[in-house]
Amino acid sequence: KNTVYLQMNNLKPEDTAVYYCAASSRTSYGLPYLD
């Protein structure tokens, strides 16, 4: 479906924010650096 999801449970006031999704083409070395 070309879709990524973020299920958010037990939300807290400090979770209030603008949420962004992002895509990386650096698949050969990017996995340890997802953050």
PDB file of all heavy atoms in Angstrom:
ATOM      1  N   LYS A   1       0.823  -1.212   0.000  1.00  0.00           N
ATOM      2  CA  LYS A   1       0.000   0.000   0.000  1.00  0.00           C
ATOM      3  C   LYS A   1       0.855   1.259   0.000  1.00  0.00           C
ATOM      4  O   LYS A   1       0.317   2.372   0.078  1.00  0.00           O
ATOM      5  CB  LYS A   1      -0.929   0.006   1.215  1.00  0.00           C
ATOM      6  CG  LYS A   1      -1.964  -1.108   1.204  1.00  0.00           C
ATOM      7  CD  LYS A   1      -2.899  -1.002   2.407  1.00  0.00           C
ATOM      8  CE  LYS A   1      -3.961  -2.085   2.367  1.00  0.00           C
ATOM      9  NZ  LYS A   1      -4.887  -2.004   3.541  1.00  0.00           N
ATOM     10  N   ASN A   2       2.183   1.090  -0.050  1.00  0.00           N
ATOM     11  CA  ASN A   2       3.087   2.248  -0.010  1.00  0.00           C
ATOM     12  C   ASN A   2       2.782   3.165   1.167  1.00  0.00           C
ATOM     13  O   ASN A   2       2.738   4.403   1.026  1.00  0.00           O
ATOM     14  CB  ASN A   2       3.010   3.036  -1.320  1.00  0.00           C
ATOM     15  CG  ASN A   2       3.734   2.341  -2.454  1.00  0.00           C
ATOM     16  OD1 ASN A   2       4.793   1.753  -2.254  1.00  0.00           O
ATOM     17  ND2 ASN A   2       3.152   2.391  -3.636  1.00  0.00           N
ATOM     18  N   THR A   3       2.597   2.564   2.314  1.00  0.00           N
ATOM     19  CA  THR A   3       2.188   3.316   3.492  1.00  0.00           C
ATOM     20  C   THR A   3       2.967   2.848   4.723  1.00  0.00           C
ATOM     21  O   THR A   3       3.190   1.656   4.894  1.00  0.00           O
ATOM     22  CB  THR A   3       0.676   3.164   3.754  1.00  0.00           C
ATOM     23  OG1 THR A   3      -0.043   3.583   2.589  1.00  0.00           O
ATOM     24  CG2 THR A   3       0.230   4.027   4.921  1.00  0.00           C
ATOM     25  N   VAL A   4       3.337   3.815   5.535  1.00  0.00           N
ATOM     26  CA  VAL A   4       3.968   3.563   6.829  1.00  0.00           C
ATOM     27  C   VAL A   4       3.052   4.118   7.907  1.00  0.00           C
ATOM     28  O   VAL A   4       2.433   5.167   7.715  1.00  0.00           O
ATOM     29  CB  VAL A   4       5.359   4.223   6.901  1.00  0.00           C
ATOM     30  CG1 VAL A   4       5.989   4.010   8.269  1.00  0.00           C
ATOM     31  CG2 VAL A   4       6.260   3.671   5.815  1.00  0.00           C
ATOM     32  N   TYR A   5       2.997   3.419   9.019  1.00  0.00           N
ATOM     33  CA  TYR A   5       2.072   3.796  10.090  1.00  0.00           C
ATOM     34  C   TYR A   5       2.826   4.059  11.390  1.00  0.00           C
ATOM     35  O   TYR A   5       3.921   3.544  11.622  1.00  0.00           O
ATOM     36  CB  TYR A   5       1.065   2.670  10.336  1.00  0.00           C
ATOM     37  CG  TYR A   5       0.294   2.242   9.115  1.00  0.00           C
ATOM     38  CD1 TYR A   5       0.691   1.134   8.372  1.00  0.00           C
ATOM     39  CD2 TYR A   5      -0.820   2.957   8.693  1.00  0.00           C
ATOM     40  CE1 TYR A   5      -0.006   0.749   7.240  1.00  0.00           C
ATOM     41  CE2 TYR A   5      -1.527   2.575   7.565  1.00  0.00           C
ATOM     42  CZ  TYR A   5      -1.110   1.464   6.848  1.00  0.00           C
ATOM     43  OH  TYR A   5      -1.809   1.087   5.728  1.00  0.00           O
ATOM     44  N   LEU A   6       2.182   4.846  12.227  1.00  0.00           N
ATOM     45  CA  LEU A   6       2.666   5.033  13.597  1.00  0.00           C
ATOM     46  C   LEU A   6       1.460   4.937  14.515  1.00  0.00           C
ATOM     47  O   LEU A   6       0.629   5.857  14.561  1.00  0.00           O
ATOM     48  CB  LEU A   6       3.364   6.374  13.786  1.00  0.00           C
ATOM     49  CG  LEU A   6       4.003   6.584  15.170  1.00  0.00           C
ATOM     50  CD1 LEU A   6       5.180   5.630  15.365  1.00  0.00           C
ATOM     51  CD2 LEU A   6       4.458   8.030  15.352  1.00  0.00           C
ATOM     52  N   GLN A   7       1.343   3.809  15.191  1.00  0.00           N
ATOM     53  CA  GLN A   7       0.278   3.630  16.171  1.00  0.00           C
ATOM     54  C   GLN A   7       0.742   4.209  17.498  1.00  0.00           C
ATOM     55  O   GLN A   7       1.768   3.793  18.037  1.00  0.00           O
ATOM     56  CB  GLN A   7      -0.052   2.144  16.336  1.00  0.00           C
ATOM     57  CG  GLN A   7      -1.092   1.852  17.396  1.00  0.00           C
ATOM     58  CD  GLN A   7      -2.471   2.368  17.026  1.00  0.00           C
ATOM     59  OE1 GLN A   7      -2.942   2.136  15.922  1.00  0.00           O
ATOM     60  NE2 GLN A   7      -3.127   3.053  17.951  1.00  0.00           N
ATOM     61  N   MET A   8      -0.012   5.158  18.010  1.00  0.00           N
ATOM     62  CA  MET A   8       0.368   5.841  19.249  1.00  0.00           C
ATOM     63  C   MET A   8      -0.671   5.545  20.316  1.00  0.00           C
ATOM     64  O   MET A   8      -1.835   5.938  20.179  1.00  0.00           O
ATOM     65  CB  MET A   8       0.461   7.345  18.991  1.00  0.00           C
ATOM     66  CG  MET A   8       1.411   7.716  17.864  1.00  0.00           C
ATOM     67  SD  MET A   8       1.603   9.492  17.650  1.00  0.00           S
ATOM     68  CE  MET A   8      -0.044   9.938  17.158  1.00  0.00           C
ATOM     69  N   ASN A   9      -0.267   4.843  21.336  1.00  0.00           N
ATOM     70  CA  ASN A   9      -1.144   4.499  22.451  1.00  0.00           C
ATOM     71  C   ASN A   9      -0.689   5.193  23.714  1.00  0.00           C
ATOM     72  O   ASN A   9       0.455   5.626  23.828  1.00  0.00           O
ATOM     73  CB  ASN A   9      -1.149   2.980  22.665  1.00  0.00           C
ATOM     74  CG  ASN A   9      -1.706   2.212  21.491  1.00  0.00           C
ATOM     75  OD1 ASN A   9      -2.571   2.720  20.756  1.00  0.00           O
ATOM     76  ND2 ASN A   9      -1.225   0.996  21.288  1.00  0.00           N
ATOM     77  N   ASN A  10      -1.592   5.280  24.679  1.00  0.00           N
ATOM     78  CA  ASN A  10      -1.275   5.894  25.964  1.00  0.00           C
ATOM     79  C   ASN A  10      -0.605   7.256  25.764  1.00  0.00           C
ATOM     80  O   ASN A  10       0.453   7.529  26.344  1.00  0.00           O
ATOM     81  CB  ASN A  10      -0.380   4.968  26.791  1.00  0.00           C
ATOM     82  CG  ASN A  10      -0.221   5.424  28.216  1.00  0.00           C
ATOM     83  OD1 ASN A  10      -1.038   6.192  28.726  1.00  0.00           O
ATOM     84  ND2 ASN A  10       0.832   4.967  28.870  1.00  0.00           N
ATOM     85  N   LEU A  11      -1.244   8.075  24.968  1.00  0.00           N
ATOM     86  CA  LEU A  11      -0.676   9.383  24.664  1.00  0.00           C
ATOM     87  C   LEU A  11      -0.537  10.233  25.920  1.00  0.00           C
ATOM     88  O   LEU A  11      -1.368  10.166  26.842  1.00  0.00           O
ATOM     89  CB  LEU A  11      -1.543  10.105  23.636  1.00  0.00           C
ATOM     90  CG  LEU A  11      -1.361   9.615  22.191  1.00  0.00           C
ATOM     91  CD1 LEU A  11      -2.535  10.048  21.328  1.00  0.00           C
ATOM     92  CD2 LEU A  11      -0.054  10.142  21.621  1.00  0.00           C
ATOM     93  N   LYS A  12       0.503  11.036  25.917  1.00  0.00           N
ATOM     94  CA  LYS A  12       0.781  11.946  27.028  1.00  0.00           C
ATOM     95  C   LYS A  12       0.815  13.379  26.489  1.00  0.00           C
ATOM     96  O   LYS A  12       1.112  13.579  25.303  1.00  0.00           O
ATOM     97  CB  LYS A  12       2.133  11.601  27.660  1.00  0.00           C
ATOM     98  CG  LYS A  12       2.234  10.177  28.182  1.00  0.00           C
ATOM     99  CD  LYS A  12       3.625   9.900  28.730  1.00  0.00           C
ATOM    100  CE  LYS A  12       3.715   8.471  29.246  1.00  0.00           C
ATOM    101  NZ  LYS A  12       5.074   8.192  29.809  1.00  0.00           N
ATOM    102  N   PRO A  13       0.557  14.357  27.314  1.00  0.00           N
ATOM    103  CA  PRO A  13       0.621  15.750  26.837  1.00  0.00           C
ATOM    104  C   PRO A  13       1.962  16.086  26.185  1.00  0.00           C
ATOM    105  O   PRO A  13       1.994  16.873  25.225  1.00  0.00           O
ATOM    106  CB  PRO A  13       0.397  16.560  28.116  1.00  0.00           C
ATOM    107  CG  PRO A  13      -0.437  15.670  28.978  1.00  0.00           C
ATOM    108  CD  PRO A  13       0.071  14.277  28.700  1.00  0.00           C
ATOM    109  N   GLU A  14       3.032  15.486  26.662  1.00  0.00           N
ATOM    110  CA  GLU A  14       4.349  15.766  26.076  1.00  0.00           C
ATOM    111  C   GLU A  14       4.544  15.164  24.693  1.00  0.00           C
ATOM    112  O   GLU A  14       5.552  15.413  24.039  1.00  0.00           O
ATOM    113  CB  GLU A  14       5.476  15.299  27.002  1.00  0.00           C
ATOM    114  CG  GLU A  14       5.350  13.869  27.475  1.00  0.00           C
ATOM    115  CD  GLU A  14       4.697  13.759  28.853  1.00  0.00           C
ATOM    116  OE1 GLU A  14       3.712  14.491  29.121  1.00  0.00           O
ATOM    117  OE2 GLU A  14       5.165  12.910  29.649  1.00  0.00           O
ATOM    118  N   ASP A  15       3.576  14.373  24.228  1.00  0.00           N
ATOM    119  CA  ASP A  15       3.606  13.869  22.850  1.00  0.00           C
ATOM    120  C   ASP A  15       3.066  14.894  21.863  1.00  0.00           C
ATOM    121  O   ASP A  15       3.149  14.679  20.645  1.00  0.00           O
ATOM    122  CB  ASP A  15       2.794  12.581  22.728  1.00  0.00           C
ATOM    123  CG  ASP A  15       3.379  11.436  23.532  1.00  0.00           C
ATOM    124  OD1 ASP A  15       4.613  11.282  23.538  1.00  0.00           O
ATOM    125  OD2 ASP A  15       2.579  10.694  24.145  1.00  0.00           O
ATOM    126  N   THR A  16       2.518  15.983  22.358  1.00  0.00           N
ATOM    127  CA  THR A  16       1.972  17.024  21.491  1.00  0.00           C
ATOM    128  C   THR A  16       3.082  17.615  20.635  1.00  0.00           C
ATOM    129  O   THR A  16       4.096  18.082  21.137  1.00  0.00           O
ATOM    130  CB  THR A  16       1.318  18.132  22.330  1.00  0.00           C
ATOM    131  OG1 THR A  16       0.189  17.578  23.023  1.00  0.00           O
ATOM    132  CG2 THR A  16       0.860  19.281  21.444  1.00  0.00           C
ATOM    133  N   ALA A  17       2.882  17.545  19.307  1.00  0.00           N
ATOM    134  CA  ALA A  17       3.911  17.990  18.368  1.00  0.00           C
ATOM    135  C   ALA A  17       3.381  17.860  16.954  1.00  0.00           C
ATOM    136  O   ALA A  17       2.324  17.257  16.726  1.00  0.00           O
ATOM    137  CB  ALA A  17       5.177  17.148  18.524  1.00  0.00           C
ATOM    138  N   VAL A  18       4.137  18.393  16.020  1.00  0.00           N
ATOM    139  CA  VAL A  18       3.914  18.096  14.608  1.00  0.00           C
ATOM    140  C   VAL A  18       4.762  16.871  14.279  1.00  0.00           C
ATOM    141  O   VAL A  18       5.951  16.847  14.580  1.00  0.00           O
ATOM    142  CB  VAL A  18       4.302  19.277  13.703  1.00  0.00           C
ATOM    143  CG1 VAL A  18       4.102  18.904  12.241  1.00  0.00           C
ATOM    144  CG2 VAL A  18       3.476  20.513  14.064  1.00  0.00           C
ATOM    145  N   TYR A  19       4.121  15.875  13.696  1.00  0.00           N
ATOM    146  CA  TYR A  19       4.791  14.619  13.375  1.00  0.00           C
ATOM    147  C   TYR A  19       5.095  14.570  11.882  1.00  0.00           C
ATOM    148  O   TYR A  19       4.208  14.824  11.052  1.00  0.00           O
ATOM    149  CB  TYR A  19       3.922  13.438  13.781  1.00  0.00           C
ATOM    150  CG  TYR A  19       3.954  13.196  15.271  1.00  0.00           C
ATOM    151  CD1 TYR A  19       3.319  14.075  16.153  1.00  0.00           C
ATOM    152  CD2 TYR A  19       4.629  12.109  15.822  1.00  0.00           C
ATOM    153  CE1 TYR A  19       3.362  13.876  17.526  1.00  0.00           C
ATOM    154  CE2 TYR A  19       4.673  11.889  17.190  1.00  0.00           C
ATOM    155  CZ  TYR A  19       4.041  12.782  18.034  1.00  0.00           C
ATOM    156  OH  TYR A  19       4.089  12.580  19.398  1.00  0.00           O
ATOM    157  N   TYR A  20       6.334  14.193  11.567  1.00  0.00           N
ATOM    158  CA  TYR A  20       6.804  14.118  10.190  1.00  0.00           C
ATOM    159  C   TYR A  20       7.250  12.708   9.856  1.00  0.00           C
ATOM    160  O   TYR A  20       7.906  12.052  10.676  1.00  0.00           O
ATOM    161  CB  TYR A  20       8.004  15.038   9.984  1.00  0.00           C
ATOM    162  CG  TYR A  20       7.758  16.492  10.291  1.00  0.00           C
ATOM    163  CD1 TYR A  20       7.950  16.987  11.575  1.00  0.00           C
ATOM    164  CD2 TYR A  20       7.357  17.378   9.294  1.00  0.00           C
ATOM    165  CE1 TYR A  20       7.729  18.321  11.870  1.00  0.00           C
ATOM    166  CE2 TYR A  20       7.132  18.712   9.575  1.00  0.00           C
ATOM    167  CZ  TYR A  20       7.322  19.170  10.866  1.00  0.00           C
ATOM    168  OH  TYR A  20       7.106  20.502  11.149  1.00  0.00           O
ATOM    169  N   CYS A  21       6.944  12.247   8.660  1.00  0.00           N
ATOM    170  CA  CYS A  21       7.557  11.010   8.202  1.00  0.00           C
ATOM    171  C   CYS A  21       8.669  11.359   7.222  1.00  0.00           C
ATOM    172  O   CYS A  21       8.666  12.424   6.616  1.00  0.00           O
ATOM    173  CB  CYS A  21       6.546  10.050   7.592  1.00  0.00           C
ATOM    174  SG  CYS A  21       5.920  10.503   5.986  1.00  0.00           S
ATOM    175  N   ALA A  22       9.614  10.440   7.105  1.00  0.00           N
ATOM    176  CA  ALA A  22      10.781  10.673   6.274  1.00  0.00           C
ATOM    177  C   ALA A  22      11.217   9.368   5.628  1.00  0.00           C
ATOM    178  O   ALA A  22      11.009   8.290   6.190  1.00  0.00           O
ATOM    179  CB  ALA A  22      11.918  11.246   7.122  1.00  0.00           C
ATOM    180  N   ALA A  23      11.831   9.487   4.456  1.00  0.00           N
ATOM    181  CA  ALA A  23      12.293   8.325   3.699  1.00  0.00           C
ATOM    182  C   ALA A  23      13.773   8.466   3.395  1.00  0.00           C
ATOM    183  O   ALA A  23      14.240   9.551   3.023  1.00  0.00           O
ATOM    184  CB  ALA A  23      11.504   8.188   2.395  1.00  0.00           C
ATOM    185  N   SER A  24      14.486   7.354   3.541  1.00  0.00           N
ATOM    186  CA  SER A  24      15.923   7.342   3.282  1.00  0.00           C
ATOM    187  C   SER A  24      16.261   6.304   2.228  1.00  0.00           C
ATOM    188  O   SER A  24      15.856   5.146   2.339  1.00  0.00           O
ATOM    189  CB  SER A  24      16.689   7.031   4.567  1.00  0.00           C
ATOM    190  OG  SER A  24      18.062   6.803   4.285  1.00  0.00           O
ATOM    191  N   SER A  25      17.050   6.714   1.243  1.00  0.00           N
ATOM    192  CA  SER A  25      17.506   5.790   0.208  1.00  0.00           C
ATOM    193  C   SER A  25      18.813   5.102   0.601  1.00  0.00           C
ATOM    194  O   SER A  25      19.315   4.258  -0.138  1.00  0.00           O
ATOM    195  CB  SER A  25      17.704   6.553  -1.109  1.00  0.00           C
ATOM    196  OG  SER A  25      18.692   7.558  -0.948  1.00  0.00           O
ATOM    197  N   ARG A  26      19.351   5.429   1.753  1.00  0.00           N
ATOM    198  CA  ARG A  26      20.656   4.912   2.199  1.00  0.00           C
ATOM    199  C   ARG A  26      20.518   3.533   2.840  1.00  0.00           C
ATOM    200  O   ARG A  26      20.936   3.312   3.979  1.00  0.00           O
ATOM    201  CB  ARG A  26      21.309   5.912   3.138  1.00  0.00           C
ATOM    202  CG  ARG A  26      21.680   7.209   2.432  1.00  0.00           C
ATOM    203  CD  ARG A  26      21.928   8.340   3.407  1.00  0.00           C
ATOM    204  NE  ARG A  26      22.433   9.540   2.760  1.00  0.00           N
ATOM    205  CZ  ARG A  26      21.689  10.396   2.092  1.00  0.00           C
ATOM    206  NH1 ARG A  26      20.400  10.199   1.977  1.00  0.00           N
ATOM    207  NH2 ARG A  26      22.240  11.456   1.529  1.00  0.00           N
ATOM    208  N   THR A  27      19.938   2.618   2.082  1.00  0.00           N
ATOM    209  CA  THR A  27      19.614   1.307   2.633  1.00  0.00           C
ATOM    210  C   THR A  27      20.839   0.443   2.888  1.00  0.00           C
ATOM    211  O   THR A  27      20.802  -0.461   3.715  1.00  0.00           O
ATOM    212  CB  THR A  27      18.658   0.562   1.693  1.00  0.00           C
ATOM    213  OG1 THR A  27      19.259   0.488   0.392  1.00  0.00           O
ATOM    214  CG2 THR A  27      17.336   1.297   1.570  1.00  0.00           C
ATOM    215  N   SER A  28      21.953   0.725   2.203  1.00  0.00           N
ATOM    216  CA  SER A  28      23.130  -0.134   2.363  1.00  0.00           C
ATOM    217  C   SER A  28      23.857   0.105   3.676  1.00  0.00           C
ATOM    218  O   SER A  28      24.553  -0.769   4.161  1.00  0.00           O
ATOM    219  CB  SER A  28      24.096   0.097   1.201  1.00  0.00           C
ATOM    220  OG  SER A  28      24.537   1.444   1.196  1.00  0.00           O
ATOM    221  N   TYR A  29      23.677   1.294   4.282  1.00  0.00           N
ATOM    222  CA  TYR A  29      24.395   1.563   5.529  1.00  0.00           C
ATOM    223  C   TYR A  29      23.567   2.346   6.541  1.00  0.00           C
ATOM    224  O   TYR A  29      24.029   2.595   7.654  1.00  0.00           O
ATOM    225  CB  TYR A  29      25.672   2.354   5.232  1.00  0.00           C
ATOM    226  CG  TYR A  29      25.436   3.722   4.647  1.00  0.00           C
ATOM    227  CD1 TYR A  29      25.259   4.838   5.468  1.00  0.00           C
ATOM    228  CD2 TYR A  29      25.401   3.914   3.268  1.00  0.00           C
ATOM    229  CE1 TYR A  29      25.048   6.092   4.937  1.00  0.00           C
ATOM    230  CE2 TYR A  29      25.175   5.167   2.735  1.00  0.00           C
ATOM    231  CZ  TYR A  29      25.010   6.249   3.568  1.00  0.00           C
ATOM    232  OH  TYR A  29      24.787   7.486   3.040  1.00  0.00           O
ATOM    233  N   GLY A  30      22.356   2.729   6.188  1.00  0.00           N
ATOM    234  CA  GLY A  30      21.589   3.608   7.052  1.00  0.00           C
ATOM    235  C   GLY A  30      20.864   2.950   8.204  1.00  0.00           C
ATOM    236  O   GLY A  30      20.421   3.620   9.130  1.00  0.00           O
ATOM    237  N   LEU A  31      20.733   1.616   8.174  1.00  0.00           N
ATOM    238  CA  LEU A  31      19.920   0.948   9.188  1.00  0.00           C
ATOM    239  C   LEU A  31      20.345   1.238  10.630  1.00  0.00           C
ATOM    240  O   LEU A  31      19.480   1.472  11.485  1.00  0.00           O
ATOM    241  CB  LEU A  31      19.912  -0.559   8.930  1.00  0.00           C
ATOM    242  CG  LEU A  31      18.909  -1.366   9.751  1.00  0.00           C
ATOM    243  CD1 LEU A  31      17.484  -0.878   9.522  1.00  0.00           C
ATOM    244  CD2 LEU A  31      19.014  -2.852   9.395  1.00  0.00           C
ATOM    245  N   PRO A  32      21.639   1.273  10.943  1.00  0.00           N
ATOM    246  CA  PRO A  32      22.019   1.591  12.336  1.00  0.00           C
ATOM    247  C   PRO A  32      21.784   3.048  12.710  1.00  0.00           C
ATOM    248  O   PRO A  32      21.921   3.405  13.879  1.00  0.00           O
ATOM    249  CB  PRO A  32      23.516   1.280  12.367  1.00  0.00           C
ATOM    250  CG  PRO A  32      23.781   0.425  11.190  1.00  0.00           C
ATOM    251  CD  PRO A  32      22.801   0.889  10.140  1.00  0.00           C
ATOM    252  N   TYR A  33      21.423   3.871  11.731  1.00  0.00           N
ATOM    253  CA  TYR A  33      21.310   5.310  11.963  1.00  0.00           C
ATOM    254  C   TYR A  33      19.896   5.825  11.729  1.00  0.00           C
ATOM    255  O   TYR A  33      19.702   6.968  11.330  1.00  0.00           O
ATOM    256  CB  TYR A  33      22.302   6.052  11.074  1.00  0.00           C
ATOM    257  CG  TYR A  33      23.699   5.499  11.175  1.00  0.00           C
ATOM    258  CD1 TYR A  33      24.282   4.815  10.116  1.00  0.00           C
ATOM    259  CD2 TYR A  33      24.434   5.649  12.347  1.00  0.00           C
ATOM    260  CE1 TYR A  33      25.554   4.288  10.216  1.00  0.00           C
ATOM    261  CE2 TYR A  33      25.710   5.124  12.460  1.00  0.00           C
ATOM    262  CZ  TYR A  33      26.269   4.445  11.391  1.00  0.00           C
ATOM    263  OH  TYR A  33      27.527   3.922  11.498  1.00  0.00           O
ATOM    264  N   LEU A  34      18.911   5.002  11.957  1.00  0.00           N
ATOM    265  CA  LEU A  34      17.522   5.402  11.728  1.00  0.00           C
ATOM    266  C   LEU A  34      17.136   6.642  12.526  1.00  0.00           C
ATOM    267  O   LEU A  34      16.215   7.360  12.138  1.00  0.00           O
ATOM    268  CB  LEU A  34      16.575   4.260  12.084  1.00  0.00           C
ATOM    269  CG  LEU A  34      16.553   3.068  11.133  1.00  0.00           C
ATOM    270  CD1 LEU A  34      15.713   1.940  11.720  1.00  0.00           C
ATOM    271  CD2 LEU A  34      16.029   3.464   9.756  1.00  0.00           C
ATOM    272  N   ASP A  35      17.842   6.885  13.625  1.00  0.00           N
ATOM    273  CA  ASP A  35      17.491   8.011  14.482  1.00  0.00           C
ATOM    274  C   ASP A  35      18.146   9.321  14.061  1.00  0.00           C
ATOM    275  O   ASP A  35      17.963  10.344  14.723  1.00  0.00           O
ATOM    276  CB  ASP A  35      17.843   7.704  15.937  1.00  0.00           C
ATOM    277  CG  ASP A  35      19.326   7.409  16.133  1.00  0.00           C
ATOM    278  OD1 ASP A  35      19.992   7.033  15.156  1.00  0.00           O
ATOM    279  OD2 ASP A  35      19.802   7.551  17.268  1.00  0.00           O
TER     280      ASP A  35
END
